[in-house]
């Protein structure tokens, strides 16, 4: 790698669906070069992911080579020499004279690898509550979580434990950001990156990211209490993240997992689930009836078309017979 060619590097990491795209969009507006080849948007994120596909493909290769994927709860023990060389080339191909970096949640799985390869790099970790991330993953419809819903929570724990462990070991080069704080006001994040991590960024006048795509948990939700009661070690990690970050939302008083009507709300969810299933069953029946009517209509159309063709053929045959006489 040509260090003289490269400006300061910021690596943006964190669990999937935690707002890393939102944060990356702000930093792009602030002057951070996040790549030329960025992943396009899709239904769950129409503004794009602000992910450099060079690094996304590299991380996917490393995981596949180790027999893992983005949802695995194991870590890559060793990166092959060939993939290490590819990583060096990827950095060289993407280096910029000014501040640059990349965002890919999978980076969280290779933090020590990247620190070894880029000893002067700075790291930004974005985190979001486990219940909001899980809800976002469920809405996105990943097959892995449909088969094992609790896996979504375990993956959240895996990514965020790697993040906070690295952050605690390397506070001189790392920043931990609560995504709600950035969504409320991006200025403190940009200031912290400039002052604490010495990144030459400017305050963005605006952001191209659509905040309406960023859904938050309704006030009074019982899901925090559900996580606290059923998965106390994960709730404790969430509290550790909140207590460790200096970028908290305004008027933030820490975690509050209490819900006075927790049992009632669980039963309400149960009832709503059954109502949804009942509505879906009725819709399926209506769809079946509509499909049956459509099939019958198509059959009638085919019969009419065949009848027309038969009549035309009969007339043509009659004309031929007259001409032959």
C-alpha atoms as a PDB file:
ATOM      1  CA  UNK A   1       0.000   0.000   0.000  1.00  0.00           C
ATOM      2  CA  UNK A   2       1.180   3.491  -0.831  1.00  0.00           C
ATOM      3  CA  UNK A   3       0.793   5.361   2.461  1.00  0.00           C
ATOM      4  CA  UNK A   4       1.796   8.627   0.833  1.00  0.00           C
ATOM      5  CA  UNK A   5      -1.204   8.347  -1.467  1.00  0.00           C
ATOM      6  CA  UNK A   6      -3.736   7.635   1.267  1.00  0.00           C
ATOM      7  CA  UNK A   7      -5.500  10.178   3.447  1.00  0.00           C
ATOM      8  CA  UNK A   8      -6.910   9.384   6.866  1.00  0.00           C
ATOM      9  CA  UNK A   9      -9.100   6.276   6.992  1.00  0.00           C
ATOM     10  CA  UNK A  10     -12.380   5.901   8.896  1.00  0.00           C
ATOM     11  CA  UNK A  11     -13.914   2.432   9.125  1.00  0.00           C
ATOM     12  CA  UNK A  12     -17.648   2.454   9.902  1.00  0.00           C
ATOM     13  CA  UNK A  13     -18.960  -0.717  11.536  1.00  0.00           C
ATOM     14  CA  UNK A  14     -21.876  -2.006  13.575  1.00  0.00           C
ATOM     15  CA  UNK A  15     -24.715  -4.497  13.430  1.00  0.00           C
ATOM     16  CA  UNK A  16     -26.879  -4.698  10.308  1.00  0.00           C
ATOM     17  CA  UNK A  17     -30.029  -2.488  10.420  1.00  0.00           C
ATOM     18  CA  UNK A  18     -28.435  -0.252  13.058  1.00  0.00           C
ATOM     19  CA  UNK A  19     -28.378   2.941  11.025  1.00  0.00           C
ATOM     20  CA  UNK A  20     -24.881   2.621   9.581  1.00  0.00           C
ATOM     21  CA  UNK A  21     -26.232   3.619   6.151  1.00  0.00           C
ATOM     22  CA  UNK A  22     -27.824   6.715   7.683  1.00  0.00           C
ATOM     23  CA  UNK A  23     -24.584   7.679   9.442  1.00  0.00           C
ATOM     24  CA  UNK A  24     -22.508   6.992   6.316  1.00  0.00           C
ATOM     25  CA  UNK A  25     -24.752   9.265   4.265  1.00  0.00           C
ATOM     26  CA  UNK A  26     -24.135  12.106   6.737  1.00  0.00           C
ATOM     27  CA  UNK A  27     -20.378  11.585   6.715  1.00  0.00           C
ATOM     28  CA  UNK A  28     -20.361  11.468   2.926  1.00  0.00           C
ATOM     29  CA  UNK A  29     -21.984  14.914   2.973  1.00  0.00           C
ATOM     30  CA  UNK A  30     -19.365  15.960   5.558  1.00  0.00           C
ATOM     31  CA  UNK A  31     -16.512  15.169   3.152  1.00  0.00           C
ATOM     32  CA  UNK A  32     -15.694  11.508   3.804  1.00  0.00           C
ATOM     33  CA  UNK A  33     -15.128   9.601   0.562  1.00  0.00           C
ATOM     34  CA  UNK A  34     -17.065   6.336   1.042  1.00  0.00           C
ATOM     35  CA  UNK A  35     -16.359   4.790  -2.359  1.00  0.00           C
ATOM     36  CA  UNK A  36     -17.154   4.955  -6.060  1.00  0.00           C
ATOM     37  CA  UNK A  37     -18.951   1.610  -6.372  1.00  0.00           C
ATOM     38  CA  UNK A  38     -21.777   1.760  -3.826  1.00  0.00           C
ATOM     39  CA  UNK A  39     -24.541  -0.777  -3.256  1.00  0.00           C
ATOM     40  CA  UNK A  40     -27.869   0.382  -4.755  1.00  0.00           C
ATOM     41  CA  UNK A  41     -31.003   0.845  -2.688  1.00  0.00           C
ATOM     42  CA  UNK A  42     -33.815  -1.655  -2.301  1.00  0.00           C
ATOM     43  CA  UNK A  43     -37.277  -1.859  -0.742  1.00  0.00           C
ATOM     44  CA  UNK A  44     -35.964  -1.636   2.824  1.00  0.00           C
ATOM     45  CA  UNK A  45     -33.520   1.156   2.070  1.00  0.00           C
ATOM     46  CA  UNK A  46     -34.459   3.090  -1.078  1.00  0.00           C
ATOM     47  CA  UNK A  47     -31.763   5.738  -0.646  1.00  0.00           C
ATOM     48  CA  UNK A  48     -28.990   3.151  -0.844  1.00  0.00           C
ATOM     49  CA  UNK A  49     -26.691   1.496   1.665  1.00  0.00           C
ATOM     50  CA  UNK A  50     -23.599   3.683   1.083  1.00  0.00           C
ATOM     51  CA  UNK A  51     -21.602   0.439   1.067  1.00  0.00           C
ATOM     52  CA  UNK A  52     -18.481   0.124  -1.053  1.00  0.00           C
ATOM     53  CA  UNK A  53     -19.094  -3.120  -2.966  1.00  0.00           C
ATOM     54  CA  UNK A  54     -15.338  -3.786  -3.173  1.00  0.00           C
ATOM     55  CA  UNK A  55     -15.199  -4.307   0.592  1.00  0.00           C
ATOM     56  CA  UNK A  56     -18.586  -6.060   0.746  1.00  0.00           C
ATOM     57  CA  UNK A  57     -17.393  -8.657  -1.799  1.00  0.00           C
ATOM     58  CA  UNK A  58     -14.057  -9.043  -0.024  1.00  0.00           C
ATOM     59  CA  UNK A  59     -15.715  -9.705   3.337  1.00  0.00           C
ATOM     60  CA  UNK A  60     -18.125 -12.174   1.728  1.00  0.00           C
ATOM     61  CA  UNK A  61     -15.167 -14.063   0.232  1.00  0.00           C
ATOM     62  CA  UNK A  62     -13.351 -14.231   3.567  1.00  0.00           C
ATOM     63  CA  UNK A  63     -16.477 -15.511   5.310  1.00  0.00           C
ATOM     64  CA  UNK A  64     -17.191 -18.084   2.601  1.00  0.00           C
ATOM     65  CA  UNK A  65     -13.595 -19.276   2.685  1.00  0.00           C
ATOM     66  CA  UNK A  66     -14.033 -19.923   6.419  1.00  0.00           C
ATOM     67  CA  UNK A  67     -17.389 -21.677   5.920  1.00  0.00           C
ATOM     68  CA  UNK A  68     -19.279 -18.812   7.562  1.00  0.00           C
ATOM     69  CA  UNK A  69     -21.759 -16.082   6.605  1.00  0.00           C
ATOM     70  CA  UNK A  70     -22.891 -12.714   7.966  1.00  0.00           C
ATOM     71  CA  UNK A  71     -25.237 -14.392  10.481  1.00  0.00           C
ATOM     72  CA  UNK A  72     -22.693 -16.876  11.858  1.00  0.00           C
ATOM     73  CA  UNK A  73     -21.885 -16.594  15.544  1.00  0.00           C
ATOM     74  CA  UNK A  74     -18.289 -17.755  15.059  1.00  0.00           C
ATOM     75  CA  UNK A  75     -15.390 -15.540  14.005  1.00  0.00           C
ATOM     76  CA  UNK A  76     -12.810 -15.973  11.267  1.00  0.00           C
ATOM     77  CA  UNK A  77      -9.661 -17.268  12.923  1.00  0.00           C
ATOM     78  CA  UNK A  78      -7.336 -16.743   9.974  1.00  0.00           C
ATOM     79  CA  UNK A  79      -7.404 -14.898   6.655  1.00  0.00           C
ATOM     80  CA  UNK A  80      -5.604 -16.749   3.877  1.00  0.00           C
ATOM     81  CA  UNK A  81      -2.518 -15.127   2.284  1.00  0.00           C
ATOM     82  CA  UNK A  82      -4.396 -14.827  -1.020  1.00  0.00           C
ATOM     83  CA  UNK A  83      -7.325 -12.958   0.539  1.00  0.00           C
ATOM     84  CA  UNK A  84      -4.948 -10.834   2.581  1.00  0.00           C
ATOM     85  CA  UNK A  85      -3.297  -9.731  -0.673  1.00  0.00           C
ATOM     86  CA  UNK A  86      -6.732  -9.036  -2.128  1.00  0.00           C
ATOM     87  CA  UNK A  87      -7.521  -6.895   0.924  1.00  0.00           C
ATOM     88  CA  UNK A  88      -4.308  -4.907   0.395  1.00  0.00           C
ATOM     89  CA  UNK A  89      -5.199  -4.400  -3.259  1.00  0.00           C
ATOM     90  CA  UNK A  90      -8.763  -3.358  -2.332  1.00  0.00           C
ATOM     91  CA  UNK A  91      -7.399  -0.706   0.011  1.00  0.00           C
ATOM     92  CA  UNK A  92      -4.927   0.486  -2.612  1.00  0.00           C
ATOM     93  CA  UNK A  93      -7.640   0.708  -5.282  1.00  0.00           C
ATOM     94  CA  UNK A  94      -9.905   2.753  -2.989  1.00  0.00           C
ATOM     95  CA  UNK A  95      -7.383   5.016  -1.251  1.00  0.00           C
ATOM     96  CA  UNK A  96      -7.936   8.757  -1.562  1.00  0.00           C
ATOM     97  CA  UNK A  97      -5.663  11.722  -0.755  1.00  0.00           C
ATOM     98  CA  UNK A  98      -8.358  13.156   1.529  1.00  0.00           C
ATOM     99  CA  UNK A  99     -10.339  11.457   4.333  1.00  0.00           C
ATOM    100  CA  UNK A 100     -11.857   8.222   3.090  1.00  0.00           C
ATOM    101  CA  UNK A 101     -13.236   4.979   4.402  1.00  0.00           C
ATOM    102  CA  UNK A 102     -15.963   2.440   3.997  1.00  0.00           C
ATOM    103  CA  UNK A 103     -19.095   1.166   5.648  1.00  0.00           C
ATOM    104  CA  UNK A 104     -20.027  -2.498   5.781  1.00  0.00           C
ATOM    105  CA  UNK A 105     -21.545  -4.157   8.844  1.00  0.00           C
ATOM    106  CA  UNK A 106     -19.459  -7.286   8.111  1.00  0.00           C
ATOM    107  CA  UNK A 107     -16.367  -5.227   8.893  1.00  0.00           C
ATOM    108  CA  UNK A 108     -17.306  -5.768  12.545  1.00  0.00           C
ATOM    109  CA  UNK A 109     -16.259  -9.404  12.110  1.00  0.00           C
ATOM    110  CA  UNK A 110     -12.706  -8.434  11.037  1.00  0.00           C
ATOM    111  CA  UNK A 111     -11.742  -5.543  13.298  1.00  0.00           C
ATOM    112  CA  UNK A 112      -8.333  -6.825  14.412  1.00  0.00           C
ATOM    113  CA  UNK A 113      -7.514  -7.846  10.841  1.00  0.00           C
ATOM    114  CA  UNK A 114      -8.148  -4.323   9.577  1.00  0.00           C
ATOM    115  CA  UNK A 115      -6.308  -2.695  12.465  1.00  0.00           C
ATOM    116  CA  UNK A 116      -3.259  -4.807  11.638  1.00  0.00           C
ATOM    117  CA  UNK A 117      -3.526  -3.952   7.942  1.00  0.00           C
ATOM    118  CA  UNK A 118      -4.286  -0.245   8.550  1.00  0.00           C
ATOM    119  CA  UNK A 119      -2.561   0.662  11.848  1.00  0.00           C
ATOM    120  CA  UNK A 120      -3.469   4.358  11.506  1.00  0.00           C
ATOM    121  CA  UNK A 121      -7.169   3.769  10.751  1.00  0.00           C
ATOM    122  CA  UNK A 122      -9.928   5.184  12.954  1.00  0.00           C
ATOM    123  CA  UNK A 123     -13.116   3.273  13.790  1.00  0.00           C
ATOM    124  CA  UNK A 124     -16.715   4.421  14.214  1.00  0.00           C
ATOM    125  CA  UNK A 125     -19.197   1.983  15.774  1.00  0.00           C
ATOM    126  CA  UNK A 126     -22.908   2.670  15.377  1.00  0.00           C
ATOM    127  CA  UNK A 127     -25.357   0.866  17.634  1.00  0.00           C
ATOM    128  CA  UNK A 128     -29.126   0.635  17.941  1.00  0.00           C
ATOM    129  CA  UNK A 129     -31.434  -1.092  20.431  1.00  0.00           C
ATOM    130  CA  UNK A 130     -31.745  -4.866  19.983  1.00  0.00           C
ATOM    131  CA  UNK A 131     -35.546  -4.755  19.764  1.00  0.00           C
ATOM    132  CA  UNK A 132     -35.478  -2.188  16.942  1.00  0.00           C
ATOM    133  CA  UNK A 133     -32.821  -4.116  15.018  1.00  0.00           C
ATOM    134  CA  UNK A 134     -34.688  -7.398  15.431  1.00  0.00           C
ATOM    135  CA  UNK A 135     -37.946  -5.786  14.315  1.00  0.00           C
ATOM    136  CA  UNK A 136     -36.196  -4.351  11.242  1.00  0.00           C
ATOM    137  CA  UNK A 137     -34.722  -7.751  10.359  1.00  0.00           C
ATOM    138  CA  UNK A 138     -38.127  -9.392  10.755  1.00  0.00           C
ATOM    139  CA  UNK A 139     -39.740  -6.773   8.510  1.00  0.00           C
ATOM    140  CA  UNK A 140     -37.025  -7.323   5.901  1.00  0.00           C
ATOM    141  CA  UNK A 141     -37.913 -11.012   5.850  1.00  0.00           C
ATOM    142  CA  UNK A 142     -34.518 -12.752   5.969  1.00  0.00           C
ATOM    143  CA  UNK A 143     -35.045 -16.507   5.676  1.00  0.00           C
ATOM    144  CA  UNK A 144     -32.498 -17.318   8.397  1.00  0.00           C
ATOM    145  CA  UNK A 145     -34.561 -15.461  10.999  1.00  0.00           C
ATOM    146  CA  UNK A 146     -37.866 -16.885   9.805  1.00  0.00           C
ATOM    147  CA  UNK A 147     -36.469 -20.324  10.610  1.00  0.00           C
ATOM    148  CA  UNK A 148     -34.918 -19.200  13.932  1.00  0.00           C
ATOM    149  CA  UNK A 149     -36.287 -15.843  15.192  1.00  0.00           C
ATOM    150  CA  UNK A 150     -34.035 -15.765  18.280  1.00  0.00           C
ATOM    151  CA  UNK A 151     -30.989 -15.917  15.988  1.00  0.00           C
ATOM    152  CA  UNK A 152     -31.607 -12.257  15.114  1.00  0.00           C
ATOM    153  CA  UNK A 153     -31.081 -11.294  18.752  1.00  0.00           C
ATOM    154  CA  UNK A 154     -27.996 -13.501  19.056  1.00  0.00           C
ATOM    155  CA  UNK A 155     -26.460 -11.923  15.958  1.00  0.00           C
ATOM    156  CA  UNK A 156     -27.129  -8.466  17.432  1.00  0.00           C
ATOM    157  CA  UNK A 157     -25.265  -9.572  20.556  1.00  0.00           C
ATOM    158  CA  UNK A 158     -22.374 -11.028  18.535  1.00  0.00           C
ATOM    159  CA  UNK A 159     -21.778  -7.882  16.477  1.00  0.00           C
ATOM    160  CA  UNK A 160     -22.174  -5.451  19.369  1.00  0.00           C
ATOM    161  CA  UNK A 161     -19.990  -7.461  21.733  1.00  0.00           C
ATOM    162  CA  UNK A 162     -17.218  -7.428  19.140  1.00  0.00           C
ATOM    163  CA  UNK A 163     -17.740  -3.681  18.735  1.00  0.00           C
ATOM    164  CA  UNK A 164     -17.629  -2.716  22.406  1.00  0.00           C
ATOM    165  CA  UNK A 165     -14.719  -5.069  23.153  1.00  0.00           C
ATOM    166  CA  UNK A 166     -12.660  -3.433  20.395  1.00  0.00           C
ATOM    167  CA  UNK A 167     -13.790   0.040  21.475  1.00  0.00           C
ATOM    168  CA  UNK A 168     -12.736  -0.595  25.076  1.00  0.00           C
ATOM    169  CA  UNK A 169      -9.307  -1.776  23.906  1.00  0.00           C
ATOM    170  CA  UNK A 170      -8.754   1.074  21.459  1.00  0.00           C
ATOM    171  CA  UNK A 171     -10.551   4.172  22.712  1.00  0.00           C
ATOM    172  CA  UNK A 172      -7.794   6.368  21.327  1.00  0.00           C
ATOM    173  CA  UNK A 173      -8.829   5.481  17.783  1.00  0.00           C
ATOM    174  CA  UNK A 174     -12.529   4.624  18.193  1.00  0.00           C
ATOM    175  CA  UNK A 175     -15.876   6.314  18.623  1.00  0.00           C
ATOM    176  CA  UNK A 176     -19.120   4.699  19.779  1.00  0.00           C
ATOM    177  CA  UNK A 177     -22.334   6.371  18.594  1.00  0.00           C
ATOM    178  CA  UNK A 178     -25.970   5.832  19.581  1.00  0.00           C
ATOM    179  CA  UNK A 179     -27.810   6.105  16.255  1.00  0.00           C
ATOM    180  CA  UNK A 180     -30.740   7.935  17.883  1.00  0.00           C
ATOM    181  CA  UNK A 181     -28.348  10.697  18.914  1.00  0.00           C
ATOM    182  CA  UNK A 182     -27.080  11.073  15.353  1.00  0.00           C
ATOM    183  CA  UNK A 183     -30.632  11.086  13.995  1.00  0.00           C
ATOM    184  CA  UNK A 184     -31.551  13.856  16.456  1.00  0.00           C
ATOM    185  CA  UNK A 185     -28.511  16.009  15.693  1.00  0.00           C
ATOM    186  CA  UNK A 186     -25.531  14.939  13.530  1.00  0.00           C
ATOM    187  CA  UNK A 187     -23.363  17.859  14.672  1.00  0.00           C
ATOM    188  CA  UNK A 188     -21.938  16.231  17.850  1.00  0.00           C
ATOM    189  CA  UNK A 189     -20.867  13.191  15.814  1.00  0.00           C
ATOM    190  CA  UNK A 190     -19.032  15.294  13.235  1.00  0.00           C
ATOM    191  CA  UNK A 191     -17.462  17.384  16.013  1.00  0.00           C
ATOM    192  CA  UNK A 192     -16.254  14.240  17.819  1.00  0.00           C
ATOM    193  CA  UNK A 193     -14.744  12.836  14.636  1.00  0.00           C
ATOM    194  CA  UNK A 194     -12.967  16.134  13.993  1.00  0.00           C
ATOM    195  CA  UNK A 195     -11.784  16.808  17.536  1.00  0.00           C
ATOM    196  CA  UNK A 196     -11.226  13.368  19.025  1.00  0.00           C
ATOM    197  CA  UNK A 197     -10.161  11.398  15.950  1.00  0.00           C
ATOM    198  CA  UNK A 198      -8.649  14.353  14.012  1.00  0.00           C
ATOM    199  CA  UNK A 199     -10.602  13.714  10.822  1.00  0.00           C
ATOM    200  CA  UNK A 200     -10.809  16.794   8.551  1.00  0.00           C
ATOM    201  CA  UNK A 201     -14.573  16.837   8.005  1.00  0.00           C
ATOM    202  CA  UNK A 202     -16.967  19.735   7.512  1.00  0.00           C
ATOM    203  CA  UNK A 203     -20.436  20.148   8.970  1.00  0.00           C
ATOM    204  CA  UNK A 204     -22.956  18.922   6.358  1.00  0.00           C
ATOM    205  CA  UNK A 205     -25.668  21.390   5.412  1.00  0.00           C
ATOM    206  CA  UNK A 206     -28.099  18.546   4.734  1.00  0.00           C
ATOM    207  CA  UNK A 207     -28.291  14.806   4.187  1.00  0.00           C
ATOM    208  CA  UNK A 208     -29.739  12.838   1.299  1.00  0.00           C
ATOM    209  CA  UNK A 209     -30.901  10.067   3.608  1.00  0.00           C
ATOM    210  CA  UNK A 210     -34.650   9.689   4.102  1.00  0.00           C
ATOM    211  CA  UNK A 211     -35.307   9.641   7.865  1.00  0.00           C
ATOM    212  CA  UNK A 212     -38.791   8.240   7.260  1.00  0.00           C
ATOM    213  CA  UNK A 213     -37.061   4.956   6.364  1.00  0.00           C
ATOM    214  CA  UNK A 214     -35.605   4.842   9.878  1.00  0.00           C
ATOM    215  CA  UNK A 215     -38.344   3.421  12.109  1.00  0.00           C
ATOM    216  CA  UNK A 216     -38.131   3.741  15.896  1.00  0.00           C
ATOM    217  CA  UNK A 217     -39.856   1.770  18.606  1.00  0.00           C
ATOM    218  CA  UNK A 218     -43.082   3.426  19.854  1.00  0.00           C
ATOM    219  CA  UNK A 219     -42.876   4.945  23.314  1.00  0.00           C
ATOM    220  CA  UNK A 220     -44.221   2.570  25.940  1.00  0.00           C
ATOM    221  CA  UNK A 221     -43.413  -0.581  23.952  1.00  0.00           C
ATOM    222  CA  UNK A 222     -43.042  -3.745  26.015  1.00  0.00           C
ATOM    223  CA  UNK A 223     -40.247  -5.157  23.824  1.00  0.00           C
ATOM    224  CA  UNK A 224     -37.408  -3.721  25.972  1.00  0.00           C
ATOM    225  CA  UNK A 225     -38.924  -5.497  28.980  1.00  0.00           C
ATOM    226  CA  UNK A 226     -39.253  -8.689  26.931  1.00  0.00           C
ATOM    227  CA  UNK A 227     -35.524  -8.618  26.162  1.00  0.00           C
ATOM    228  CA  UNK A 228     -34.658  -7.700  29.756  1.00  0.00           C
ATOM    229  CA  UNK A 229     -36.683 -10.541  31.256  1.00  0.00           C
ATOM    230  CA  UNK A 230     -35.912 -13.290  28.734  1.00  0.00           C
ATOM    231  CA  UNK A 231     -32.389 -12.351  27.631  1.00  0.00           C
ATOM    232  CA  UNK A 232     -30.784 -10.487  30.566  1.00  0.00           C
ATOM    233  CA  UNK A 233     -27.222 -10.844  29.212  1.00  0.00           C
ATOM    234  CA  UNK A 234     -28.239  -9.114  25.979  1.00  0.00           C
ATOM    235  CA  UNK A 235     -30.064  -6.364  27.858  1.00  0.00           C
ATOM    236  CA  UNK A 236     -26.922  -5.879  29.973  1.00  0.00           C
ATOM    237  CA  UNK A 237     -24.859  -5.479  26.796  1.00  0.00           C
ATOM    238  CA  UNK A 238     -27.354  -2.863  25.593  1.00  0.00           C
ATOM    239  CA  UNK A 239     -26.910  -0.977  28.876  1.00  0.00           C
ATOM    240  CA  UNK A 240     -23.115  -1.242  28.568  1.00  0.00           C
ATOM    241  CA  UNK A 241     -23.283   0.304  25.103  1.00  0.00           C
ATOM    242  CA  UNK A 242     -25.476   3.149  26.320  1.00  0.00           C
ATOM    243  CA  UNK A 243     -23.246   3.780  29.329  1.00  0.00           C
ATOM    244  CA  UNK A 244     -20.071   3.725  27.220  1.00  0.00           C
ATOM    245  CA  UNK A 245     -21.069   6.163  24.488  1.00  0.00           C
ATOM    246  CA  UNK A 246     -20.611   9.889  24.802  1.00  0.00           C
ATOM    247  CA  UNK A 247     -23.078  10.436  21.938  1.00  0.00           C
ATOM    248  CA  UNK A 248     -26.461   9.939  23.615  1.00  0.00           C
ATOM    249  CA  UNK A 249     -29.836  11.294  22.438  1.00  0.00           C
ATOM    250  CA  UNK A 250     -30.950  14.571  24.010  1.00  0.00           C
ATOM    251  CA  UNK A 251     -32.772  14.193  27.357  1.00  0.00           C
ATOM    252  CA  UNK A 252     -31.643  10.584  27.516  1.00  0.00           C
ATOM    253  CA  UNK A 253     -32.066   8.979  30.945  1.00  0.00           C
ATOM    254  CA  UNK A 254     -30.633   5.572  30.185  1.00  0.00           C
ATOM    255  CA  UNK A 255     -32.412   2.288  29.626  1.00  0.00           C
ATOM    256  CA  UNK A 256     -35.913   1.810  30.861  1.00  0.00           C
ATOM    257  CA  UNK A 257     -37.079  -1.732  30.299  1.00  0.00           C
ATOM    258  CA  UNK A 258     -40.059  -1.504  32.584  1.00  0.00           C
ATOM    259  CA  UNK A 259     -43.568  -1.823  31.273  1.00  0.00           C
ATOM    260  CA  UNK A 260     -46.378  -1.804  33.854  1.00  0.00           C
ATOM    261  CA  UNK A 261     -48.735  -3.728  31.557  1.00  0.00           C
ATOM    262  CA  UNK A 262     -46.146  -6.126  30.148  1.00  0.00           C
ATOM    263  CA  UNK A 263     -48.336  -9.224  30.485  1.00  0.00           C
ATOM    264  CA  UNK A 264     -51.333  -7.441  28.978  1.00  0.00           C
ATOM    265  CA  UNK A 265     -49.282  -6.255  26.024  1.00  0.00           C
ATOM    266  CA  UNK A 266     -47.930  -9.754  25.380  1.00  0.00           C
ATOM    267  CA  UNK A 267     -51.507 -11.023  25.262  1.00  0.00           C
ATOM    268  CA  UNK A 268     -52.398  -8.122  22.976  1.00  0.00           C
ATOM    269  CA  UNK A 269     -49.620  -9.186  20.612  1.00  0.00           C
ATOM    270  CA  UNK A 270     -50.944 -12.744  20.783  1.00  0.00           C
ATOM    271  CA  UNK A 271     -54.448 -11.531  19.899  1.00  0.00           C
ATOM    272  CA  UNK A 272     -53.171  -9.308  17.080  1.00  0.00           C
ATOM    273  CA  UNK A 273     -51.221 -12.238  15.662  1.00  0.00           C
ATOM    274  CA  UNK A 274     -54.375 -14.369  15.575  1.00  0.00           C
ATOM    275  CA  UNK A 275     -56.333 -11.526  13.987  1.00  0.00           C
ATOM    276  CA  UNK A 276     -53.677 -11.189  11.313  1.00  0.00           C
ATOM    277  CA  UNK A 277     -53.688 -14.935  10.692  1.00  0.00           C
ATOM    278  CA  UNK A 278     -57.480 -14.898  10.419  1.00  0.00           C
ATOM    279  CA  UNK A 279     -57.399 -11.972   7.981  1.00  0.00           C
ATOM    280  CA  UNK A 280     -54.708 -13.728   5.946  1.00  0.00           C
ATOM    281  CA  UNK A 281     -56.821 -16.888   5.808  1.00  0.00           C
ATOM    282  CA  UNK A 282     -59.812 -14.899   4.531  1.00  0.00           C
ATOM    283  CA  UNK A 283     -57.650 -13.184   1.940  1.00  0.00           C
ATOM    284  CA  UNK A 284     -56.289 -16.529   0.772  1.00  0.00           C
ATOM    285  CA  UNK A 285     -59.832 -17.856   0.366  1.00  0.00           C
ATOM    286  CA  UNK A 286     -60.881 -14.739  -1.533  1.00  0.00           C
ATOM    287  CA  UNK A 287     -57.781 -15.046  -3.720  1.00  0.00           C
ATOM    288  CA  UNK A 288     -58.609 -18.704  -4.400  1.00  0.00           C
ATOM    289  CA  UNK A 289     -62.172 -17.786  -5.397  1.00  0.00           C
ATOM    290  CA  UNK A 290     -60.914 -14.974  -7.632  1.00  0.00           C
ATOM    291  CA  UNK A 291     -58.423 -17.344  -9.256  1.00  0.00           C
ATOM    292  CA  UNK A 292     -61.206 -19.855  -9.890  1.00  0.00           C
ATOM    293  CA  UNK A 293     -63.357 -17.155 -11.520  1.00  0.00           C
ATOM    294  CA  UNK A 294     -60.370 -16.068 -13.610  1.00  0.00           C
ATOM    295  CA  UNK A 295     -59.725 -19.624 -14.743  1.00  0.00           C
ATOM    296  CA  UNK A 296     -63.398 -20.007 -15.772  1.00  0.00           C
ATOM    297  CA  UNK A 297     -63.276 -16.695 -17.649  1.00  0.00           C
ATOM    298  CA  UNK A 298     -60.132 -17.781 -19.468  1.00  0.00           C
ATOM    299  CA  UNK A 299     -61.804 -21.037 -20.429  1.00  0.00           C
ATOM    300  CA  UNK A 300     -64.823 -19.144 -21.832  1.00  0.00           C
ATOM    301  CA  UNK A 301     -62.513 -16.845 -23.812  1.00  0.00           C
ATOM    302  CA  UNK A 302     -60.644 -19.840 -25.210  1.00  0.00           C
ATOM    303  CA  UNK A 303     -63.950 -21.516 -26.177  1.00  0.00           C
ATOM    304  CA  UNK A 304     -65.136 -18.326 -27.886  1.00  0.00           C
ATOM    305  CA  UNK A 305     -61.841 -17.981 -29.744  1.00  0.00           C
ATOM    306  CA  UNK A 306     -61.999 -21.585 -30.838  1.00  0.00           C
ATOM    307  CA  UNK A 307     -65.597 -21.059 -31.975  1.00  0.00           C
ATOM    308  CA  UNK A 308     -64.586 -18.037 -34.050  1.00  0.00           C
ATOM    309  CA  UNK A 309     -61.714 -19.933 -35.618  1.00  0.00           C
ATOM    310  CA  UNK A 310     -64.045 -22.883 -36.412  1.00  0.00           C
ATOM    311  CA  UNK A 311     -66.589 -20.558 -38.057  1.00  0.00           C
ATOM    312  CA  UNK A 312     -63.874 -18.834 -40.109  1.00  0.00           C
ATOM    313  CA  UNK A 313     -62.491 -22.172 -41.232  1.00  0.00           C
ATOM    314  CA  UNK A 314     -65.980 -23.332 -42.234  1.00  0.00           C
ATOM    315  CA  UNK A 315     -66.501 -20.212 -44.332  1.00  0.00           C
ATOM    316  CA  UNK A 316     -63.089 -20.592 -45.979  1.00  0.00           C
ATOM    317  CA  UNK A 317     -63.842 -24.191 -46.838  1.00  0.00           C
ATOM    318  CA  UNK A 318     -67.206 -23.149 -48.320  1.00  0.00           C
ATOM    319  CA  UNK A 319     -65.464 -20.469 -50.413  1.00  0.00           C
ATOM    320  CA  UNK A 320     -62.887 -23.007 -51.633  1.00  0.00           C
ATOM    321  CA  UNK A 321     -65.658 -25.378 -52.691  1.00  0.00           C
ATOM    322  CA  UNK A 322     -67.425 -22.613 -54.637  1.00  0.00           C
ATOM    323  CA  UNK A 323     -64.160 -21.631 -56.373  1.00  0.00           C
ATOM    324  CA  UNK A 324     -63.431 -25.195 -57.339  1.00  0.00           C
ATOM    325  CA  UNK A 325     -66.797 -25.624 -59.050  1.00  0.00           C
END
